[in-house]
Amino acid sequence: MRPGRTLLIALPLLWLAVLASAVTVVYVRHEARNLFTELERLSDERDELNIEWGQLQLEQSAWSNHGFVERVASDKLRMTLPQPAEVRIVTP
């Protein structure tokens, strides 16, 4: 095979290889940007969930406080302690 003929075959193949690699680089960079955007969105969501979890823990600790439960029972539910004369003890 002559050197000129080899060059005529190799040159278009090299051009196609360069074009394919350029398209691949563009595609990979685009996917990397999309993945980075998704990672940032998930990080923001994680931070919001951590804040909500902390608020729920505070609320749970407040509800476990006896004084808080009594205040809610009397203010919102209008519950009162019975008078000693109103208490009936039932035994089996």
PDB file of N, CA and C in Angstrom:
ATOM      1  N   MET A   1       0.830  -1.161   0.000  1.00  0.00           N
ATOM      2  CA  MET A   1       0.000   0.000   0.000  1.00  0.00           C
ATOM      3  C   MET A   1       0.888   1.242   0.000  1.00  0.00           C
ATOM      4  N   ARG A   2       0.486   2.233  -0.762  1.00  0.00           N
ATOM      5  CA  ARG A   2       1.297   3.432  -0.865  1.00  0.00           C
ATOM      6  C   ARG A   2       1.038   4.366   0.312  1.00  0.00           C
ATOM      7  N   PRO A   3       2.053   5.178   0.685  1.00  0.00           N
ATOM      8  CA  PRO A   3       1.903   6.101   1.828  1.00  0.00           C
ATOM      9  C   PRO A   3       0.790   7.127   1.599  1.00  0.00           C
ATOM     10  N   GLY A   4       0.587   7.600   0.401  1.00  0.00           N
ATOM     11  CA  GLY A   4      -0.454   8.589   0.124  1.00  0.00           C
ATOM     12  C   GLY A   4      -1.844   8.016   0.326  1.00  0.00           C
ATOM     13  N   ARG A   5      -1.997   6.764  -0.069  1.00  0.00           N
ATOM     14  CA  ARG A   5      -3.292   6.107   0.088  1.00  0.00           C
ATOM     15  C   ARG A   5      -3.613   5.875   1.570  1.00  0.00           C
ATOM     16  N   THR A   6      -2.637   5.516   2.348  1.00  0.00           N
ATOM     17  CA  THR A   6      -2.811   5.324   3.792  1.00  0.00           C
ATOM     18  C   THR A   6      -3.236   6.630   4.438  1.00  0.00           C
ATOM     19  N   LEU A   7      -2.627   7.705   4.001  1.00  0.00           N
ATOM     20  CA  LEU A   7      -2.969   9.020   4.549  1.00  0.00           C
ATOM     21  C   LEU A   7      -4.408   9.397   4.205  1.00  0.00           C
ATOM     22  N   LEU A   8      -4.862   9.056   3.018  1.00  0.00           N
ATOM     23  CA  LEU A   8      -6.237   9.355   2.607  1.00  0.00           C
ATOM     24  C   LEU A   8      -7.250   8.574   3.444  1.00  0.00           C
ATOM     25  N   ILE A   9      -6.890   7.399   3.916  1.00  0.00           N
ATOM     26  CA  ILE A   9      -7.782   6.603   4.759  1.00  0.00           C
ATOM     27  C   ILE A   9      -7.684   7.047   6.216  1.00  0.00           C
ATOM     28  N   ALA A  10      -6.481   7.333   6.689  1.00  0.00           N
ATOM     29  CA  ALA A  10      -6.259   7.661   8.096  1.00  0.00           C
ATOM     30  C   ALA A  10      -6.794   9.042   8.457  1.00  0.00           C
ATOM     31  N   LEU A  11      -6.689   9.997   7.531  1.00  0.00           N
ATOM     32  CA  LEU A  11      -7.100  11.361   7.832  1.00  0.00           C
ATOM     33  C   LEU A  11      -8.600  11.465   8.154  1.00  0.00           C
ATOM     34  N   PRO A  12      -9.508  10.918   7.365  1.00  0.00           N
ATOM     35  CA  PRO A  12     -10.929  10.975   7.743  1.00  0.00           C
ATOM     36  C   PRO A  12     -11.234  10.203   9.034  1.00  0.00           C
ATOM     37  N   LEU A  13     -10.524   9.095   9.244  1.00  0.00           N
ATOM     38  CA  LEU A  13     -10.734   8.342  10.487  1.00  0.00           C
ATOM     39  C   LEU A  13     -10.299   9.154  11.702  1.00  0.00           C
ATOM     40  N   LEU A  14      -9.169   9.838  11.587  1.00  0.00           N
ATOM     41  CA  LEU A  14      -8.705  10.697  12.676  1.00  0.00           C
ATOM     42  C   LEU A  14      -9.679  11.852  12.901  1.00  0.00           C
ATOM     43  N   TRP A  15     -10.183  12.422  11.796  1.00  0.00           N
ATOM     44  CA  TRP A  15     -11.144  13.523  11.923  1.00  0.00           C
ATOM     45  C   TRP A  15     -12.410  13.045  12.636  1.00  0.00           C
ATOM     46  N   LEU A  16     -12.909  11.870  12.297  1.00  0.00           N
ATOM     47  CA  LEU A  16     -14.087  11.312  12.962  1.00  0.00           C
ATOM     48  C   LEU A  16     -13.811  11.016  14.435  1.00  0.00           C
ATOM     49  N   ALA A  17     -12.616  10.534  14.739  1.00  0.00           N
ATOM     50  CA  ALA A  17     -12.250  10.249  16.130  1.00  0.00           C
ATOM     51  C   ALA A  17     -12.215  11.536  16.946  1.00  0.00           C
ATOM     52  N   VAL A  18     -11.656  12.612  16.372  1.00  0.00           N
ATOM     53  CA  VAL A  18     -11.595  13.900  17.069  1.00  0.00           C
ATOM     54  C   VAL A  18     -13.007  14.448  17.261  1.00  0.00           C
ATOM     55  N   LEU A  19     -13.845  14.363  16.246  1.00  0.00           N
ATOM     56  CA  LEU A  19     -15.215  14.842  16.342  1.00  0.00           C
ATOM     57  C   LEU A  19     -15.998  14.046  17.396  1.00  0.00           C
ATOM     58  N   ALA A  20     -15.849  12.746  17.397  1.00  0.00           N
ATOM     59  CA  ALA A  20     -16.538  11.910  18.386  1.00  0.00           C
ATOM     60  C   ALA A  20     -16.073  12.224  19.800  1.00  0.00           C
ATOM     61  N   SER A  21     -14.778  12.434  19.986  1.00  0.00           N
ATOM     62  CA  SER A  21     -14.284  12.752  21.330  1.00  0.00           C
ATOM     63  C   SER A  21     -14.773  14.130  21.768  1.00  0.00           C
ATOM     64  N   ALA A  22     -14.867  15.091  20.841  1.00  0.00           N
ATOM     65  CA  ALA A  22     -15.368  16.418  21.194  1.00  0.00           C
ATOM     66  C   ALA A  22     -16.836  16.346  21.617  1.00  0.00           C
ATOM     67  N   VAL A  23     -17.631  15.597  20.886  1.00  0.00           N
ATOM     68  CA  VAL A  23     -19.048  15.435  21.248  1.00  0.00           C
ATOM     69  C   VAL A  23     -19.167  14.741  22.601  1.00  0.00           C
ATOM     70  N   THR A  24     -18.339  13.757  22.825  1.00  0.00           N
ATOM     71  CA  THR A  24     -18.356  13.044  24.108  1.00  0.00           C
ATOM     72  C   THR A  24     -17.981  13.967  25.259  1.00  0.00           C
ATOM     73  N   VAL A  25     -16.995  14.822  25.063  1.00  0.00           N
ATOM     74  CA  VAL A  25     -16.586  15.768  26.112  1.00  0.00           C
ATOM     75  C   VAL A  25     -17.728  16.730  26.435  1.00  0.00           C
ATOM     76  N   VAL A  26     -18.393  17.234  25.408  1.00  0.00           N
ATOM     77  CA  VAL A  26     -19.520  18.146  25.633  1.00  0.00           C
ATOM     78  C   VAL A  26     -20.628  17.436  26.399  1.00  0.00           C
ATOM     79  N   TYR A  27     -20.950  16.225  26.024  1.00  0.00           N
ATOM     80  CA  TYR A  27     -21.993  15.464  26.693  1.00  0.00           C
ATOM     81  C   TYR A  27     -21.635  15.189  28.157  1.00  0.00           C
ATOM     82  N   VAL A  28     -20.407  14.779  28.397  1.00  0.00           N
ATOM     83  CA  VAL A  28     -19.970  14.453  29.762  1.00  0.00           C
ATOM     84  C   VAL A  28     -19.989  15.703  30.646  1.00  0.00           C
ATOM     85  N   ARG A  29     -19.565  16.851  30.107  1.00  0.00           N
ATOM     86  CA  ARG A  29     -19.593  18.089  30.897  1.00  0.00           C
ATOM     87  C   ARG A  29     -21.034  18.489  31.215  1.00  0.00           C
ATOM     88  N   HIS A  30     -21.917  18.312  30.248  1.00  0.00           N
ATOM     89  CA  HIS A  30     -23.332  18.623  30.477  1.00  0.00           C
ATOM     90  C   HIS A  30     -23.903  17.728  31.581  1.00  0.00           C
ATOM     91  N   GLU A  31     -23.618  16.443  31.523  1.00  0.00           N
ATOM     92  CA  GLU A  31     -24.093  15.518  32.559  1.00  0.00           C
ATOM     93  C   GLU A  31     -23.486  15.855  33.920  1.00  0.00           C
ATOM     94  N   ALA A  32     -22.216  16.251  33.934  1.00  0.00           N
ATOM     95  CA  ALA A  32     -21.571  16.619  35.199  1.00  0.00           C
ATOM     96  C   ALA A  32     -22.251  17.840  35.805  1.00  0.00           C
ATOM     97  N   ARG A  33     -22.604  18.809  34.980  1.00  0.00           N
ATOM     98  CA  ARG A  33     -23.317  19.996  35.485  1.00  0.00           C
ATOM     99  C   ARG A  33     -24.688  19.613  36.023  1.00  0.00           C
ATOM    100  N   ASN A  34     -25.394  18.740  35.314  1.00  0.00           N
ATOM    101  CA  ASN A  34     -26.701  18.291  35.798  1.00  0.00           C
ATOM    102  C   ASN A  34     -26.576  17.559  37.125  1.00  0.00           C
ATOM    103  N   LEU A  35     -25.577  16.702  37.239  1.00  0.00           N
ATOM    104  CA  LEU A  35     -25.382  15.964  38.489  1.00  0.00           C
ATOM    105  C   LEU A  35     -24.995  16.896  39.631  1.00  0.00           C
ATOM    106  N   PHE A  36     -24.186  17.919  39.338  1.00  0.00           N
ATOM    107  CA  PHE A  36     -23.804  18.882  40.370  1.00  0.00           C
ATOM    108  C   PHE A  36     -25.025  19.664  40.844  1.00  0.00           C
ATOM    109  N   THR A  37     -25.884  20.059  39.901  1.00  0.00           N
ATOM    110  CA  THR A  37     -27.109  20.767  40.262  1.00  0.00           C
ATOM    111  C   THR A  37     -27.997  19.880  41.134  1.00  0.00           C
ATOM    112  N   GLU A  38     -28.118  18.627  40.774  1.00  0.00           N
ATOM    113  CA  GLU A  38     -28.908  17.683  41.568  1.00  0.00           C
ATOM    114  C   GLU A  38     -28.302  17.499  42.961  1.00  0.00           C
ATOM    115  N   LEU A  39     -26.979  17.426  43.035  1.00  0.00           N
ATOM    116  CA  LEU A  39     -26.310  17.294  44.334  1.00  0.00           C
ATOM    117  C   LEU A  39     -26.577  18.508  45.214  1.00  0.00           C
ATOM    118  N   GLU A  40     -26.532  19.698  44.643  1.00  0.00           N
ATOM    119  CA  GLU A  40     -26.809  20.914  45.410  1.00  0.00           C
ATOM    120  C   GLU A  40     -28.262  20.935  45.893  1.00  0.00           C
ATOM    121  N   ARG A  41     -29.188  20.501  45.047  1.00  0.00           N
ATOM    122  CA  ARG A  41     -30.597  20.453  45.438  1.00  0.00           C
ATOM    123  C   ARG A  41     -30.798  19.466  46.584  1.00  0.00           C
ATOM    124  N   LEU A  42     -30.147  18.316  46.491  1.00  0.00           N
ATOM    125  CA  LEU A  42     -30.270  17.319  47.559  1.00  0.00           C
ATOM    126  C   LEU A  42     -29.616  17.803  48.855  1.00  0.00           C
ATOM    127  N   SER A  43     -28.533  18.543  48.742  1.00  0.00           N
ATOM    128  CA  SER A  43     -27.888  19.106  49.939  1.00  0.00           C
ATOM    129  C   SER A  43     -28.812  20.111  50.615  1.00  0.00           C
ATOM    130  N   ASP A  44     -29.471  20.958  49.827  1.00  0.00           N
ATOM    131  CA  ASP A  44     -30.426  21.911  50.394  1.00  0.00           C
ATOM    132  C   ASP A  44     -31.587  21.192  51.068  1.00  0.00           C
ATOM    133  N   GLU A  45     -32.081  20.140  50.423  1.00  0.00           N
ATOM    134  CA  GLU A  45     -33.178  19.365  51.001  1.00  0.00           C
ATOM    135  C   GLU A  45     -32.741  18.704  52.303  1.00  0.00           C
ATOM    136  N   ARG A  46     -31.507  18.184  52.329  1.00  0.00           N
ATOM    137  CA  ARG A  46     -30.981  17.574  53.553  1.00  0.00           C
ATOM    138  C   ARG A  46     -30.917  18.599  54.677  1.00  0.00           C
ATOM    139  N   ASP A  47     -30.444  19.819  54.359  1.00  0.00           N
ATOM    140  CA  ASP A  47     -30.355  20.854  55.382  1.00  0.00           C
ATOM    141  C   ASP A  47     -31.729  21.224  55.925  1.00  0.00           C
ATOM    142  N   GLU A  48     -32.724  21.341  55.031  1.00  0.00           N
ATOM    143  CA  GLU A  48     -34.081  21.653  55.475  1.00  0.00           C
ATOM    144  C   GLU A  48     -34.641  20.542  56.353  1.00  0.00           C
ATOM    145  N   LEU A  49     -34.371  19.286  55.992  1.00  0.00           N
ATOM    146  CA  LEU A  49     -34.851  18.163  56.802  1.00  0.00           C
ATOM    147  C   LEU A  49     -34.156  18.119  58.162  1.00  0.00           C
ATOM    148  N   ASN A  50     -32.878  18.477  58.213  1.00  0.00           N
ATOM    149  CA  ASN A  50     -32.179  18.531  59.501  1.00  0.00           C
ATOM    150  C   ASN A  50     -32.772  19.606  60.402  1.00  0.00           C
ATOM    151  N   ILE A  51     -33.137  20.747  59.808  1.00  0.00           N
ATOM    152  CA  ILE A  51     -33.774  21.806  60.600  1.00  0.00           C
ATOM    153  C   ILE A  51     -35.114  21.325  61.139  1.00  0.00           C
ATOM    154  N   GLU A  52     -35.910  20.699  60.266  1.00  0.00           N
ATOM    155  CA  GLU A  52     -37.214  20.194  60.694  1.00  0.00           C
ATOM    156  C   GLU A  52     -37.063  19.127  61.778  1.00  0.00           C
ATOM    157  N   TRP A  53     -36.054  18.274  61.649  1.00  0.00           N
ATOM    158  CA  TRP A  53     -35.816  17.228  62.656  1.00  0.00           C
ATOM    159  C   TRP A  53     -35.477  17.856  64.008  1.00  0.00           C
ATOM    160  N   GLY A  54     -34.654  18.888  63.997  1.00  0.00           N
ATOM    161  CA  GLY A  54     -34.322  19.577  65.237  1.00  0.00           C
ATOM    162  C   GLY A  54     -35.545  20.209  65.883  1.00  0.00           C
ATOM    163  N   GLN A  55     -36.419  20.802  65.053  1.00  0.00           N
ATOM    164  CA  GLN A  55     -37.637  21.397  65.586  1.00  0.00           C
ATOM    165  C   GLN A  55     -38.553  20.329  66.177  1.00  0.00           C
ATOM    166  N   LEU A  56     -38.634  19.179  65.527  1.00  0.00           N
ATOM    167  CA  LEU A  56     -39.461  18.091  66.058  1.00  0.00           C
ATOM    168  C   LEU A  56     -38.901  17.561  67.376  1.00  0.00           C
ATOM    169  N   GLN A  57     -37.584  17.514  67.487  1.00  0.00           N
ATOM    170  CA  GLN A  57     -36.994  17.061  68.754  1.00  0.00           C
ATOM    171  C   GLN A  57     -37.300  18.050  69.874  1.00  0.00           C
ATOM    172  N   LEU A  58     -37.250  19.348  69.556  1.00  0.00           N
ATOM    173  CA  LEU A  58     -37.600  20.350  70.565  1.00  0.00           C
ATOM    174  C   LEU A  58     -39.066  20.218  70.984  1.00  0.00           C
ATOM    175  N   GLU A  59     -39.928  20.013  70.008  1.00  0.00           N
ATOM    176  CA  GLU A  59     -41.343  19.856  70.314  1.00  0.00           C
ATOM    177  C   GLU A  59     -41.588  18.607  71.161  1.00  0.00           C
ATOM    178  N   GLN A  60     -40.886  17.535  70.828  1.00  0.00           N
ATOM    179  CA  GLN A  60     -41.046  16.301  71.600  1.00  0.00           C
ATOM    180  C   GLN A  60     -40.587  16.509  73.038  1.00  0.00           C
ATOM    181  N   SER A  61     -39.485  17.217  73.224  1.00  0.00           N
ATOM    182  CA  SER A  61     -39.012  17.445  74.592  1.00  0.00           C
ATOM    183  C   SER A  61     -39.982  18.336  75.352  1.00  0.00           C
ATOM    184  N   ALA A  62     -40.641  19.276  74.652  1.00  0.00           N
ATOM    185  CA  ALA A  62     -41.629  20.123  75.322  1.00  0.00           C
ATOM    186  C   ALA A  62     -42.835  19.294  75.743  1.00  0.00           C
ATOM    187  N   TRP A  63     -43.281  18.378  74.888  1.00  0.00           N
ATOM    188  CA  TRP A  63     -44.446  17.565  75.221  1.00  0.00           C
ATOM    189  C   TRP A  63     -44.155  16.561  76.325  1.00  0.00           C
ATOM    190  N   SER A  64     -42.904  16.254  76.550  1.00  0.00           N
ATOM    191  CA  SER A  64     -42.589  15.318  77.627  1.00  0.00           C
ATOM    192  C   SER A  64     -42.500  16.019  78.979  1.00  0.00           C
ATOM    193  N   ASN A  65     -42.601  17.335  78.987  1.00  0.00           N
ATOM    194  CA  ASN A  65     -42.560  18.119  80.217  1.00  0.00           C
ATOM    195  C   ASN A  65     -43.949  18.097  80.861  1.00  0.00           C
ATOM    196  N   HIS A  66     -44.032  17.684  82.116  1.00  0.00           N
ATOM    197  CA  HIS A  66     -45.318  17.530  82.808  1.00  0.00           C
ATOM    198  C   HIS A  66     -46.082  18.850  82.883  1.00  0.00           C
ATOM    199  N   GLY A  67     -45.382  19.919  83.174  1.00  0.00           N
ATOM    200  CA  GLY A  67     -46.033  21.228  83.285  1.00  0.00           C
ATOM    201  C   GLY A  67     -46.654  21.672  81.972  1.00  0.00           C
ATOM    202  N   PHE A  68     -46.000  21.384  80.874  1.00  0.00           N
ATOM    203  CA  PHE A  68     -46.526  21.751  79.549  1.00  0.00           C
ATOM    204  C   PHE A  68     -47.809  20.986  79.246  1.00  0.00           C
ATOM    205  N   VAL A  69     -47.817  19.702  79.572  1.00  0.00           N
ATOM    206  CA  VAL A  69     -48.998  18.873  79.334  1.00  0.00           C
ATOM    207  C   VAL A  69     -50.166  19.371  80.183  1.00  0.00           C
ATOM    208  N   GLU A  70     -49.902  19.724  81.427  1.00  0.00           N
ATOM    209  CA  GLU A  70     -50.969  20.240  82.290  1.00  0.00           C
ATOM    210  C   GLU A  70     -51.508  21.571  81.770  1.00  0.00           C
ATOM    211  N   ARG A  71     -50.637  22.428  81.297  1.00  0.00           N
ATOM    212  CA  ARG A  71     -51.068  23.725  80.781  1.00  0.00           C
ATOM    213  C   ARG A  71     -51.940  23.554  79.534  1.00  0.00           C
ATOM    214  N   VAL A  72     -51.548  22.667  78.633  1.00  0.00           N
ATOM    215  CA  VAL A  72     -52.354  22.421  77.437  1.00  0.00           C
ATOM    216  C   VAL A  72     -53.687  21.806  77.818  1.00  0.00           C
ATOM    217  N   ALA A  73     -53.676  20.892  78.780  1.00  0.00           N
ATOM    218  CA  ALA A  73     -54.918  20.240  79.199  1.00  0.00           C
ATOM    219  C   ALA A  73     -55.877  21.258  79.802  1.00  0.00           C
ATOM    220  N   SER A  74     -55.380  22.181  80.582  1.00  0.00           N
ATOM    221  CA  SER A  74     -56.282  23.157  81.213  1.00  0.00           C
ATOM    222  C   SER A  74     -56.668  24.278  80.254  1.00  0.00           C
ATOM    223  N   ASP A  75     -55.749  24.773  79.437  1.00  0.00           N
ATOM    224  CA  ASP A  75     -56.050  25.903  78.544  1.00  0.00           C
ATOM    225  C   ASP A  75     -56.850  25.480  77.324  1.00  0.00           C
ATOM    226  N   LYS A  76     -56.413  24.478  76.624  1.00  0.00           N
ATOM    227  CA  LYS A  76     -57.054  24.117  75.359  1.00  0.00           C
ATOM    228  C   LYS A  76     -58.191  23.120  75.530  1.00  0.00           C
ATOM    229  N   LEU A  77     -58.053  22.202  76.474  1.00  0.00           N
ATOM    230  CA  LEU A  77     -59.059  21.161  76.631  1.00  0.00           C
ATOM    231  C   LEU A  77     -60.027  21.444  77.775  1.00  0.00           C
ATOM    232  N   ARG A  78     -59.780  22.525  78.515  1.00  0.00           N
ATOM    233  CA  ARG A  78     -60.629  22.923  79.644  1.00  0.00           C
ATOM    234  C   ARG A  78     -60.755  21.812  80.683  1.00  0.00           C
ATOM    235  N   MET A  79     -59.673  21.113  80.914  1.00  0.00           N
ATOM    236  CA  MET A  79     -59.669  20.041  81.901  1.00  0.00           C
ATOM    237  C   MET A  79     -59.294  20.623  83.267  1.00  0.00           C
ATOM    238  N   THR A  80     -59.880  20.087  84.319  1.00  0.00           N
ATOM    239  CA  THR A  80     -59.554  20.527  85.683  1.00  0.00           C
ATOM    240  C   THR A  80     -59.347  19.300  86.558  1.00  0.00           C
ATOM    241  N   LEU A  81     -58.653  19.516  87.645  1.00  0.00           N
ATOM    242  CA  LEU A  81     -58.468  18.432  88.602  1.00  0.00           C
ATOM    243  C   LEU A  81     -59.759  18.274  89.398  1.00  0.00           C
ATOM    244  N   PRO A  82     -60.183  17.038  89.651  1.00  0.00           N
ATOM    245  CA  PRO A  82     -61.408  16.849  90.432  1.00  0.00           C
ATOM    246  C   PRO A  82     -61.167  17.187  91.907  1.00  0.00           C
ATOM    247  N   GLN A  83     -62.225  17.586  92.555  1.00  0.00           N
ATOM    248  CA  GLN A  83     -62.141  17.856  93.990  1.00  0.00           C
ATOM    249  C   GLN A  83     -62.036  16.514  94.707  1.00  0.00           C
ATOM    250  N   PRO A  84     -61.418  16.497  95.876  1.00  0.00           N
ATOM    251  CA  PRO A  84     -61.272  15.215  96.588  1.00  0.00           C
ATOM    252  C   PRO A  84     -62.613  14.511  96.841  1.00  0.00           C
ATOM    253  N   ALA A  85     -63.671  15.248  97.034  1.00  0.00           N
ATOM    254  CA  ALA A  85     -64.973  14.620  97.274  1.00  0.00           C
ATOM    255  C   ALA A  85     -65.533  13.953  96.010  1.00  0.00           C
ATOM    256  N   GLU A  86     -65.057  14.376  94.844  1.00  0.00           N
ATOM    257  CA  GLU A  86     -65.534  13.808  93.584  1.00  0.00           C
ATOM    258  C   GLU A  86     -64.785  12.540  93.165  1.00  0.00           C
ATOM    259  N   VAL A  87     -63.737  12.212  93.865  1.00  0.00           N
ATOM    260  CA  VAL A  87     -62.916  11.056  93.505  1.00  0.00           C
ATOM    261  C   VAL A  87     -63.538   9.787  94.077  1.00  0.00           C
ATOM    262  N   ARG A  88     -63.716   8.798  93.240  1.00  0.00           N
ATOM    263  CA  ARG A  88     -64.251   7.505  93.664  1.00  0.00           C
ATOM    264  C   ARG A  88     -63.166   6.443  93.368  1.00  0.00           C
ATOM    265  N   ILE A  89     -62.875   5.664  94.356  1.00  0.00           N
ATOM    266  CA  ILE A  89     -61.885   4.597  94.194  1.00  0.00           C
ATOM    267  C   ILE A  89     -62.652   3.300  93.981  1.00  0.00           C
ATOM    268  N   VAL A  90     -62.327   2.634  92.889  1.00  0.00           N
ATOM    269  CA  VAL A  90     -63.011   1.394  92.547  1.00  0.00           C
ATOM    270  C   VAL A  90     -62.034   0.247  92.775  1.00  0.00           C
ATOM    271  N   THR A  91     -62.464  -0.725  93.495  1.00  0.00           N
ATOM    272  CA  THR A  91     -61.616  -1.903  93.718  1.00  0.00           C
ATOM    273  C   THR A  91     -62.311  -3.127  93.145  1.00  0.00           C
ATOM    274  N   PRO A  92     -61.586  -4.085  92.693  1.00  0.00           N
ATOM    275  CA  PRO A  92     -62.213  -5.295  92.134  1.00  0.00           C
ATOM    276  C   PRO A  92     -62.849  -6.170  93.191  1.00  0.00           C
TER     277      PRO A  92
END
